Amino acid sequence: MNMWALGDYPRLAREVVGGLGPRLVAACGVRAGQRVLDVGTGSGLAALAAAEVGASVVGADITPELLDAARSSGAPVEWVFGDAQKLPFSDAEFDVVLSCVGAMFAPDQRATADELVRVCRPGGVVGMVNWTPGGSIGGFFEVFGGSPALSWGDPDHVRSLFGDGVSAFTAVEERLAVSRFSSAEEYCAYYKANFGPVIAAFAEAEDPAALDRRFLAYAAGEMRAGLGYDYLLVVARRAG
């Protein structure tokens, strides 16, 4: 089973990181009448925000369970099964192509970047929110062995992936304040119940008790520092 189907990611997206979708949509200047694609949409953070401003929106993801959750919103969005590494759309089909902490987890980063650019019309916008390797989420994934996906949070790396496919590129690091949790224990219990990668990590751990201690120590440190998630906001314009 796809690990993203484990737990209840739609709940986590709604309760913890819900502000990221509207932030990305605003940064990309999405407006009514545009055709917009949200890649790795999950439960639809960016897709729903784009639909709210009147865009014609398609949300694509490889996890059917997350697409089902997105459909339950009743929003006027077309939800499509689609792999970020090989999108089922024509060249230059969309005015804006978005990904909110979604496409960054596809294994083939080069193919994913090429696809994001390919389906965007010349002069259109490609926008991403990606977790950064040096921030709180970087530390989170280090608890569980790290993740190559976090290289999408390095602006130089993302710029190199897009290459000549974009004619303009900006990347700004921002921080999402997180106030959902009152203690490190609550934080850990919440992620162990709702976040698929954490559920999978504990299921596969040789020493779950040791992993639990590392996770709790990480959470306690973040709570003391003031919990917030650092991300890279990328806005690029397709060349041509």
C-alpha atoms as a PDB file:
ATOM      1  CA  MET A   1       0.000   0.000   0.000  1.00  0.00           C
ATOM      2  CA  ASN A   2       1.127   3.573  -0.701  1.00  0.00           C
ATOM      3  CA  MET A   3       2.339   4.957   2.638  1.00  0.00           C
ATOM      4  CA  TRP A   4       0.408   8.174   1.987  1.00  0.00           C
ATOM      5  CA  ALA A   5      -2.803   6.165   2.355  1.00  0.00           C
ATOM      6  CA  LEU A   6      -1.893   5.225   5.920  1.00  0.00           C
ATOM      7  CA  GLY A   7      -3.353   7.225   8.780  1.00  0.00           C
ATOM      8  CA  ASP A   8      -5.349  10.363   8.037  1.00  0.00           C
ATOM      9  CA  TYR A   9      -3.295  12.793   5.960  1.00  0.00           C
ATOM     10  CA  PRO A  10      -6.381  14.868   4.998  1.00  0.00           C
ATOM     11  CA  ARG A  11      -6.894  15.634   8.690  1.00  0.00           C
ATOM     12  CA  LEU A  12      -3.249  16.651   9.119  1.00  0.00           C
ATOM     13  CA  ALA A  13      -3.369  18.800   5.987  1.00  0.00           C
ATOM     14  CA  ARG A  14      -6.494  20.541   7.203  1.00  0.00           C
ATOM     15  CA  GLU A  15      -5.500  21.045  10.838  1.00  0.00           C
ATOM     16  CA  VAL A  16      -1.745  21.674  10.628  1.00  0.00           C
ATOM     17  CA  VAL A  17      -0.600  22.904   7.200  1.00  0.00           C
ATOM     18  CA  GLY A  18      -3.827  24.213   5.688  1.00  0.00           C
ATOM     19  CA  GLY A  19      -2.423  27.713   5.219  1.00  0.00           C
ATOM     20  CA  LEU A  20       0.128  26.583   2.637  1.00  0.00           C
ATOM     21  CA  GLY A  21      -2.344  26.142  -0.221  1.00  0.00           C
ATOM     22  CA  PRO A  22      -3.754  29.680  -0.131  1.00  0.00           C
ATOM     23  CA  ARG A  23      -0.235  31.085   0.284  1.00  0.00           C
ATOM     24  CA  LEU A  24       0.968  29.335  -2.870  1.00  0.00           C
ATOM     25  CA  VAL A  25      -2.089  30.337  -4.876  1.00  0.00           C
ATOM     26  CA  ALA A  26      -1.667  33.973  -3.874  1.00  0.00           C
ATOM     27  CA  ALA A  27       2.066  33.977  -4.659  1.00  0.00           C
ATOM     28  CA  CYS A  28       1.391  32.614  -8.143  1.00  0.00           C
ATOM     29  CA  GLY A  29      -1.301  35.200  -8.842  1.00  0.00           C
ATOM     30  CA  VAL A  30      -3.951  32.609  -9.665  1.00  0.00           C
ATOM     31  CA  ARG A  31      -7.130  34.272 -10.872  1.00  0.00           C
ATOM     32  CA  ALA A  32     -10.585  33.437 -12.158  1.00  0.00           C
ATOM     33  CA  GLY A  33     -10.737  31.792 -15.567  1.00  0.00           C
ATOM     34  CA  GLN A  34      -7.226  30.362 -15.543  1.00  0.00           C
ATOM     35  CA  ARG A  35      -6.679  26.656 -16.077  1.00  0.00           C
ATOM     36  CA  VAL A  36      -4.702  25.372 -13.092  1.00  0.00           C
ATOM     37  CA  LEU A  37      -3.105  22.015 -12.264  1.00  0.00           C
ATOM     38  CA  ASP A  38      -2.167  20.964  -8.733  1.00  0.00           C
ATOM     39  CA  VAL A  39       0.405  18.125  -8.870  1.00  0.00           C
ATOM     40  CA  GLY A  40       0.648  15.766  -5.905  1.00  0.00           C
ATOM     41  CA  THR A  41      -2.537  17.390  -4.699  1.00  0.00           C
ATOM     42  CA  GLY A  42      -3.103  15.027  -1.764  1.00  0.00           C
ATOM     43  CA  SER A  43      -6.387  16.130  -0.250  1.00  0.00           C
ATOM     44  CA  GLY A  44      -6.315  19.313  -2.319  1.00  0.00           C
ATOM     45  CA  LEU A  45      -4.626  22.091  -0.355  1.00  0.00           C
ATOM     46  CA  ALA A  46      -3.653  24.173  -3.390  1.00  0.00           C
ATOM     47  CA  ALA A  47      -6.390  22.898  -5.708  1.00  0.00           C
ATOM     48  CA  LEU A  48      -9.178  23.958  -3.357  1.00  0.00           C
ATOM     49  CA  ALA A  49      -7.610  27.373  -2.807  1.00  0.00           C
ATOM     50  CA  ALA A  50      -7.328  27.895  -6.576  1.00  0.00           C
ATOM     51  CA  ALA A  51     -10.948  26.873  -7.081  1.00  0.00           C
ATOM     52  CA  GLU A  52     -12.022  29.395  -4.461  1.00  0.00           C
ATOM     53  CA  VAL A  53     -10.695  32.266  -6.595  1.00  0.00           C
ATOM     54  CA  GLY A  54     -12.582  30.994  -9.650  1.00  0.00           C
ATOM     55  CA  ALA A  55      -9.908  29.095 -11.558  1.00  0.00           C
ATOM     56  CA  SER A  56     -10.690  25.949 -13.536  1.00  0.00           C
ATOM     57  CA  VAL A  57      -8.736  23.384 -11.547  1.00  0.00           C
ATOM     58  CA  VAL A  58      -7.431  19.848 -11.952  1.00  0.00           C
ATOM     59  CA  GLY A  59      -5.881  18.050  -8.980  1.00  0.00           C
ATOM     60  CA  ALA A  60      -3.640  15.042  -9.703  1.00  0.00           C
ATOM     61  CA  ASP A  61      -2.250  12.464  -7.278  1.00  0.00           C
ATOM     62  CA  ILE A  62      -1.110   8.827  -7.231  1.00  0.00           C
ATOM     63  CA  THR A  63      -2.936   7.916  -4.002  1.00  0.00           C
ATOM     64  CA  PRO A  64      -6.585   7.032  -4.708  1.00  0.00           C
ATOM     65  CA  GLU A  65      -7.530   7.316  -1.033  1.00  0.00           C
ATOM     66  CA  LEU A  66      -6.391  10.935  -0.939  1.00  0.00           C
ATOM     67  CA  LEU A  67      -8.254  11.722  -4.146  1.00  0.00           C
ATOM     68  CA  ASP A  68     -11.398  10.218  -2.608  1.00  0.00           C
ATOM     69  CA  ALA A  69     -10.985  12.502   0.397  1.00  0.00           C
ATOM     70  CA  ALA A  70     -10.524  15.493  -1.917  1.00  0.00           C
ATOM     71  CA  ARG A  71     -13.662  14.603  -3.886  1.00  0.00           C
ATOM     72  CA  SER A  72     -15.669  14.545  -0.670  1.00  0.00           C
ATOM     73  CA  SER A  73     -15.130  18.300  -0.387  1.00  0.00           C
ATOM     74  CA  GLY A  74     -17.664  18.803  -3.171  1.00  0.00           C
ATOM     75  CA  ALA A  75     -15.494  21.553  -4.659  1.00  0.00           C
ATOM     76  CA  PRO A  76     -15.630  22.212  -8.425  1.00  0.00           C
ATOM     77  CA  VAL A  77     -12.284  20.510  -9.076  1.00  0.00           C
ATOM     78  CA  GLU A  78     -11.505  17.654 -11.469  1.00  0.00           C
ATOM     79  CA  TRP A  79      -9.634  15.018  -9.450  1.00  0.00           C
ATOM     80  CA  VAL A  80      -7.393  12.794 -11.585  1.00  0.00           C
ATOM     81  CA  PHE A  81      -5.090   9.863 -10.888  1.00  0.00           C
ATOM     82  CA  GLY A  82      -1.682  10.987 -12.110  1.00  0.00           C
ATOM     83  CA  ASP A  83       2.011  10.418 -11.452  1.00  0.00           C
ATOM     84  CA  ALA A  84       4.085  13.611 -11.128  1.00  0.00           C
ATOM     85  CA  GLN A  85       6.858  11.872 -13.091  1.00  0.00           C
ATOM     86  CA  LYS A  86       4.595  11.182 -16.078  1.00  0.00           C
ATOM     87  CA  LEU A  87       1.569  13.434 -16.023  1.00  0.00           C
ATOM     88  CA  PRO A  88      -1.456  12.410 -18.120  1.00  0.00           C
ATOM     89  CA  PHE A  89      -1.838  15.821 -19.764  1.00  0.00           C
ATOM     90  CA  SER A  90      -0.884  17.454 -23.034  1.00  0.00           C
ATOM     91  CA  ASP A  91       1.996  19.879 -23.493  1.00  0.00           C
ATOM     92  CA  ALA A  92       1.244  23.475 -22.480  1.00  0.00           C
ATOM     93  CA  GLU A  93      -2.238  22.594 -21.213  1.00  0.00           C
ATOM     94  CA  PHE A  94      -2.280  24.809 -18.102  1.00  0.00           C
ATOM     95  CA  ASP A  95      -1.797  28.487 -17.282  1.00  0.00           C
ATOM     96  CA  VAL A  96      -0.522  27.697 -13.791  1.00  0.00           C
ATOM     97  CA  VAL A  97       1.032  24.481 -12.448  1.00  0.00           C
ATOM     98  CA  LEU A  98       1.206  24.162  -8.672  1.00  0.00           C
ATOM     99  CA  SER A  99       2.581  21.697  -6.162  1.00  0.00           C
ATOM    100  CA  CYS A 100       2.215  22.120  -2.415  1.00  0.00           C
ATOM    101  CA  VAL A 101       4.563  19.714  -0.574  1.00  0.00           C
ATOM    102  CA  GLY A 102       3.478  17.032  -3.042  1.00  0.00           C
ATOM    103  CA  ALA A 103       5.559  16.600  -6.195  1.00  0.00           C
ATOM    104  CA  MET A 104       8.715  16.935  -4.112  1.00  0.00           C
ATOM    105  CA  PHE A 105       8.199  13.347  -2.897  1.00  0.00           C
ATOM    106  CA  ALA A 106       8.262  11.786  -6.370  1.00  0.00           C
ATOM    107  CA  PRO A 107      11.430   9.640  -6.671  1.00  0.00           C
ATOM    108  CA  ASP A 108      12.670  10.941 -10.055  1.00  0.00           C
ATOM    109  CA  GLN A 109      13.280  14.628  -9.457  1.00  0.00           C
ATOM    110  CA  ARG A 110      14.480  15.435 -12.962  1.00  0.00           C
ATOM    111  CA  ALA A 111      11.454  13.808 -14.582  1.00  0.00           C
ATOM    112  CA  THR A 112       9.159  15.581 -12.148  1.00  0.00           C
ATOM    113  CA  ALA A 113      10.632  19.012 -12.859  1.00  0.00           C
ATOM    114  CA  ASP A 114      10.441  18.375 -16.607  1.00  0.00           C
ATOM    115  CA  GLU A 115       6.777  17.400 -16.313  1.00  0.00           C
ATOM    116  CA  LEU A 116       5.839  20.455 -14.257  1.00  0.00           C
ATOM    117  CA  VAL A 117       7.313  22.651 -16.977  1.00  0.00           C
ATOM    118  CA  ARG A 118       6.019  20.598 -19.907  1.00  0.00           C
ATOM    119  CA  VAL A 119       2.338  20.877 -19.028  1.00  0.00           C
ATOM    120  CA  CYS A 120       2.582  24.637 -18.368  1.00  0.00           C
ATOM    121  CA  ARG A 121       2.009  26.988 -21.300  1.00  0.00           C
ATOM    122  CA  PRO A 122       4.878  29.248 -22.403  1.00  0.00           C
ATOM    123  CA  GLY A 123       4.759  32.336 -20.215  1.00  0.00           C
ATOM    124  CA  GLY A 124       2.714  30.489 -17.602  1.00  0.00           C
ATOM    125  CA  VAL A 125       3.633  30.031 -13.951  1.00  0.00           C
ATOM    126  CA  VAL A 126       5.045  27.032 -12.113  1.00  0.00           C
ATOM    127  CA  GLY A 127       4.784  27.390  -8.344  1.00  0.00           C
ATOM    128  CA  MET A 128       5.859  25.113  -5.516  1.00  0.00           C
ATOM    129  CA  VAL A 129       5.928  24.944  -1.747  1.00  0.00           C
ATOM    130  CA  ASN A 130       8.702  22.558  -0.643  1.00  0.00           C
ATOM    131  CA  TRP A 131       9.964  21.666   2.810  1.00  0.00           C
ATOM    132  CA  THR A 132      13.513  22.870   3.460  1.00  0.00           C
ATOM    133  CA  PRO A 133      16.351  20.553   4.525  1.00  0.00           C
ATOM    134  CA  GLY A 134      17.632  22.839   7.261  1.00  0.00           C
ATOM    135  CA  GLY A 135      14.344  23.703   8.950  1.00  0.00           C
ATOM    136  CA  SER A 136      12.021  21.976  11.371  1.00  0.00           C
ATOM    137  CA  ILE A 137      10.733  19.486   8.798  1.00  0.00           C
ATOM    138  CA  GLY A 138      14.308  18.689   7.825  1.00  0.00           C
ATOM    139  CA  GLY A 139      14.908  17.743  11.461  1.00  0.00           C
ATOM    140  CA  PHE A 140      11.656  15.801  11.483  1.00  0.00           C
ATOM    141  CA  PHE A 141      12.721  13.588   8.598  1.00  0.00           C
ATOM    142  CA  GLU A 142      16.210  13.156  10.074  1.00  0.00           C
ATOM    143  CA  VAL A 143      14.550  11.362  12.993  1.00  0.00           C
ATOM    144  CA  PHE A 144      13.345   8.775  10.503  1.00  0.00           C
ATOM    145  CA  GLY A 145      16.508   8.487   8.431  1.00  0.00           C
ATOM    146  CA  GLY A 146      16.279  11.554   6.205  1.00  0.00           C
ATOM    147  CA  SER A 147      14.638  12.059   2.824  1.00  0.00           C
ATOM    148  CA  PRO A 148      16.081  12.974  -0.588  1.00  0.00           C
ATOM    149  CA  ALA A 149      12.847  14.884  -1.204  1.00  0.00           C
ATOM    150  CA  LEU A 150      14.163  17.695   0.982  1.00  0.00           C
ATOM    151  CA  SER A 151      16.641  18.728  -1.707  1.00  0.00           C
ATOM    152  CA  TRP A 152      13.601  20.411  -3.313  1.00  0.00           C
ATOM    153  CA  GLY A 153      13.939  22.920  -0.480  1.00  0.00           C
ATOM    154  CA  ASP A 154      17.343  24.070  -1.781  1.00  0.00           C
ATOM    155  CA  PRO A 155      16.783  26.958  -4.226  1.00  0.00           C
ATOM    156  CA  ASP A 156      19.937  26.252  -6.236  1.00  0.00           C
ATOM    157  CA  HIS A 157      18.926  22.627  -6.679  1.00  0.00           C
ATOM    158  CA  VAL A 158      15.414  23.523  -7.812  1.00  0.00           C
ATOM    159  CA  ARG A 159      16.779  26.104 -10.241  1.00  0.00           C
ATOM    160  CA  SER A 160      19.091  23.503 -11.728  1.00  0.00           C
ATOM    161  CA  LEU A 161      16.225  21.028 -12.108  1.00  0.00           C
ATOM    162  CA  PHE A 162      14.124  23.525 -14.059  1.00  0.00           C
ATOM    163  CA  GLY A 163      17.118  24.612 -16.122  1.00  0.00           C
ATOM    164  CA  ASP A 164      16.323  26.359 -19.393  1.00  0.00           C
ATOM    165  CA  GLY A 165      12.680  25.401 -19.036  1.00  0.00           C
ATOM    166  CA  VAL A 166      12.025  28.589 -17.091  1.00  0.00           C
ATOM    167  CA  SER A 167      12.897  32.168 -17.946  1.00  0.00           C
ATOM    168  CA  ALA A 168      12.342  33.644 -14.500  1.00  0.00           C
ATOM    169  CA  PHE A 169      12.800  32.089 -11.088  1.00  0.00           C
ATOM    170  CA  THR A 170      12.319  33.281  -7.524  1.00  0.00           C
ATOM    171  CA  ALA A 171      12.630  31.273  -4.322  1.00  0.00           C
ATOM    172  CA  VAL A 172      11.964  32.637  -0.838  1.00  0.00           C
ATOM    173  CA  GLU A 173      12.145  30.771   2.450  1.00  0.00           C
ATOM    174  CA  GLU A 174       9.142  31.310   4.693  1.00  0.00           C
ATOM    175  CA  ARG A 175       7.822  29.825   7.925  1.00  0.00           C
ATOM    176  CA  LEU A 176       4.409  28.444   8.815  1.00  0.00           C
ATOM    177  CA  ALA A 177       3.583  28.911  12.485  1.00  0.00           C
ATOM    178  CA  VAL A 178       2.067  25.763  14.002  1.00  0.00           C
ATOM    179  CA  SER A 179      -0.132  26.122  17.091  1.00  0.00           C
ATOM    180  CA  ARG A 180      -2.052  22.831  16.903  1.00  0.00           C
ATOM    181  CA  PHE A 181      -0.093  21.063  19.679  1.00  0.00           C
ATOM    182  CA  SER A 182       0.204  21.789  23.385  1.00  0.00           C
ATOM    183  CA  SER A 183       2.971  19.302  24.193  1.00  0.00           C
ATOM    184  CA  ALA A 184       5.653  17.161  22.599  1.00  0.00           C
ATOM    185  CA  GLU A 185       3.727  14.054  23.615  1.00  0.00           C
ATOM    186  CA  GLU A 186       0.611  15.281  21.816  1.00  0.00           C
ATOM    187  CA  TYR A 187       2.679  16.143  18.747  1.00  0.00           C
ATOM    188  CA  CYS A 188       4.213  12.673  18.527  1.00  0.00           C
ATOM    189  CA  ALA A 189       0.928  10.870  19.137  1.00  0.00           C
ATOM    190  CA  TYR A 190      -0.762  12.929  16.431  1.00  0.00           C
ATOM    191  CA  TYR A 191       1.861  12.163  13.778  1.00  0.00           C
ATOM    192  CA  LYS A 192       2.019   8.488  14.759  1.00  0.00           C
ATOM    193  CA  ALA A 193      -1.736   8.265  14.205  1.00  0.00           C
ATOM    194  CA  ASN A 194      -2.142  10.421  11.099  1.00  0.00           C
ATOM    195  CA  PHE A 195       1.044  10.765   9.022  1.00  0.00           C
ATOM    196  CA  GLY A 196       1.711   7.845   6.696  1.00  0.00           C
ATOM    197  CA  PRO A 197       5.523   8.116   6.546  1.00  0.00           C
ATOM    198  CA  VAL A 198       5.706   8.049  10.356  1.00  0.00           C
ATOM    199  CA  ILE A 199       3.324   5.107  10.597  1.00  0.00           C
ATOM    200  CA  ALA A 200       5.395   3.234   8.015  1.00  0.00           C
ATOM    201  CA  ALA A 201       8.674   4.084   9.787  1.00  0.00           C
ATOM    202  CA  PHE A 202       7.470   2.706  13.108  1.00  0.00           C
ATOM    203  CA  ALA A 203       6.085  -0.408  11.432  1.00  0.00           C
ATOM    204  CA  GLU A 204       9.500  -1.095   9.872  1.00  0.00           C
ATOM    205  CA  ALA A 205      11.714  -0.003  12.796  1.00  0.00           C
ATOM    206  CA  GLU A 206      14.064  -2.584  14.308  1.00  0.00           C
ATOM    207  CA  ASP A 207      13.819  -0.766  17.650  1.00  0.00           C
ATOM    208  CA  PRO A 208      10.522   1.171  17.854  1.00  0.00           C
ATOM    209  CA  ALA A 209      11.216   2.232  21.453  1.00  0.00           C
ATOM    210  CA  ALA A 210      14.481   3.902  20.453  1.00  0.00           C
ATOM    211  CA  LEU A 211      12.765   5.593  17.529  1.00  0.00           C
ATOM    212  CA  ASP A 212      10.044   6.789  19.879  1.00  0.00           C
ATOM    213  CA  ARG A 213      12.643   8.371  22.156  1.00  0.00           C
ATOM    214  CA  ARG A 214      14.331  10.166  19.261  1.00  0.00           C
ATOM    215  CA  PHE A 215      11.002  11.423  17.989  1.00  0.00           C
ATOM    216  CA  LEU A 216       9.963  12.718  21.399  1.00  0.00           C
ATOM    217  CA  ALA A 217      13.316  14.459  21.909  1.00  0.00           C
ATOM    218  CA  TYR A 218      12.962  16.154  18.522  1.00  0.00           C
ATOM    219  CA  ALA A 219       9.402  17.273  19.298  1.00  0.00           C
ATOM    220  CA  ALA A 220      10.344  18.589  22.728  1.00  0.00           C
ATOM    221  CA  GLY A 221      13.108  20.703  21.219  1.00  0.00           C
ATOM    222  CA  GLU A 222      10.807  22.122  18.569  1.00  0.00           C
ATOM    223  CA  MET A 223       8.097  22.940  21.092  1.00  0.00           C
ATOM    224  CA  ARG A 224      10.591  24.800  23.284  1.00  0.00           C
ATOM    225  CA  ALA A 225      11.849  26.801  20.290  1.00  0.00           C
ATOM    226  CA  GLY A 226       8.346  27.696  19.109  1.00  0.00           C
ATOM    227  CA  LEU A 227       6.961  25.209  16.609  1.00  0.00           C
ATOM    228  CA  GLY A 228       6.955  26.290  12.988  1.00  0.00           C
ATOM    229  CA  TYR A 229       7.604  24.653   9.618  1.00  0.00           C
ATOM    230  CA  ASP A 230      10.121  26.209   7.228  1.00  0.00           C
ATOM    231  CA  TYR A 231       9.397  25.952   3.522  1.00  0.00           C
ATOM    232  CA  LEU A 232      10.706  27.239   0.207  1.00  0.00           C
ATOM    233  CA  LEU A 233       8.200  29.171  -1.904  1.00  0.00           C
ATOM    234  CA  VAL A 234       9.158  28.835  -5.578  1.00  0.00           C
ATOM    235  CA  VAL A 235       7.599  30.852  -8.402  1.00  0.00           C
ATOM    236  CA  ALA A 236       8.951  30.350 -11.913  1.00  0.00           C
ATOM    237  CA  ARG A 237       7.794  31.341 -15.384  1.00  0.00           C
ATOM    238  CA  ARG A 238       7.959  28.893 -18.246  1.00  0.00           C
ATOM    239  CA  ALA A 239      10.306  29.955 -21.006  1.00  0.00           C
ATOM    240  CA  GLY A 240       9.079  30.460 -24.547  1.00  0.00           C
END
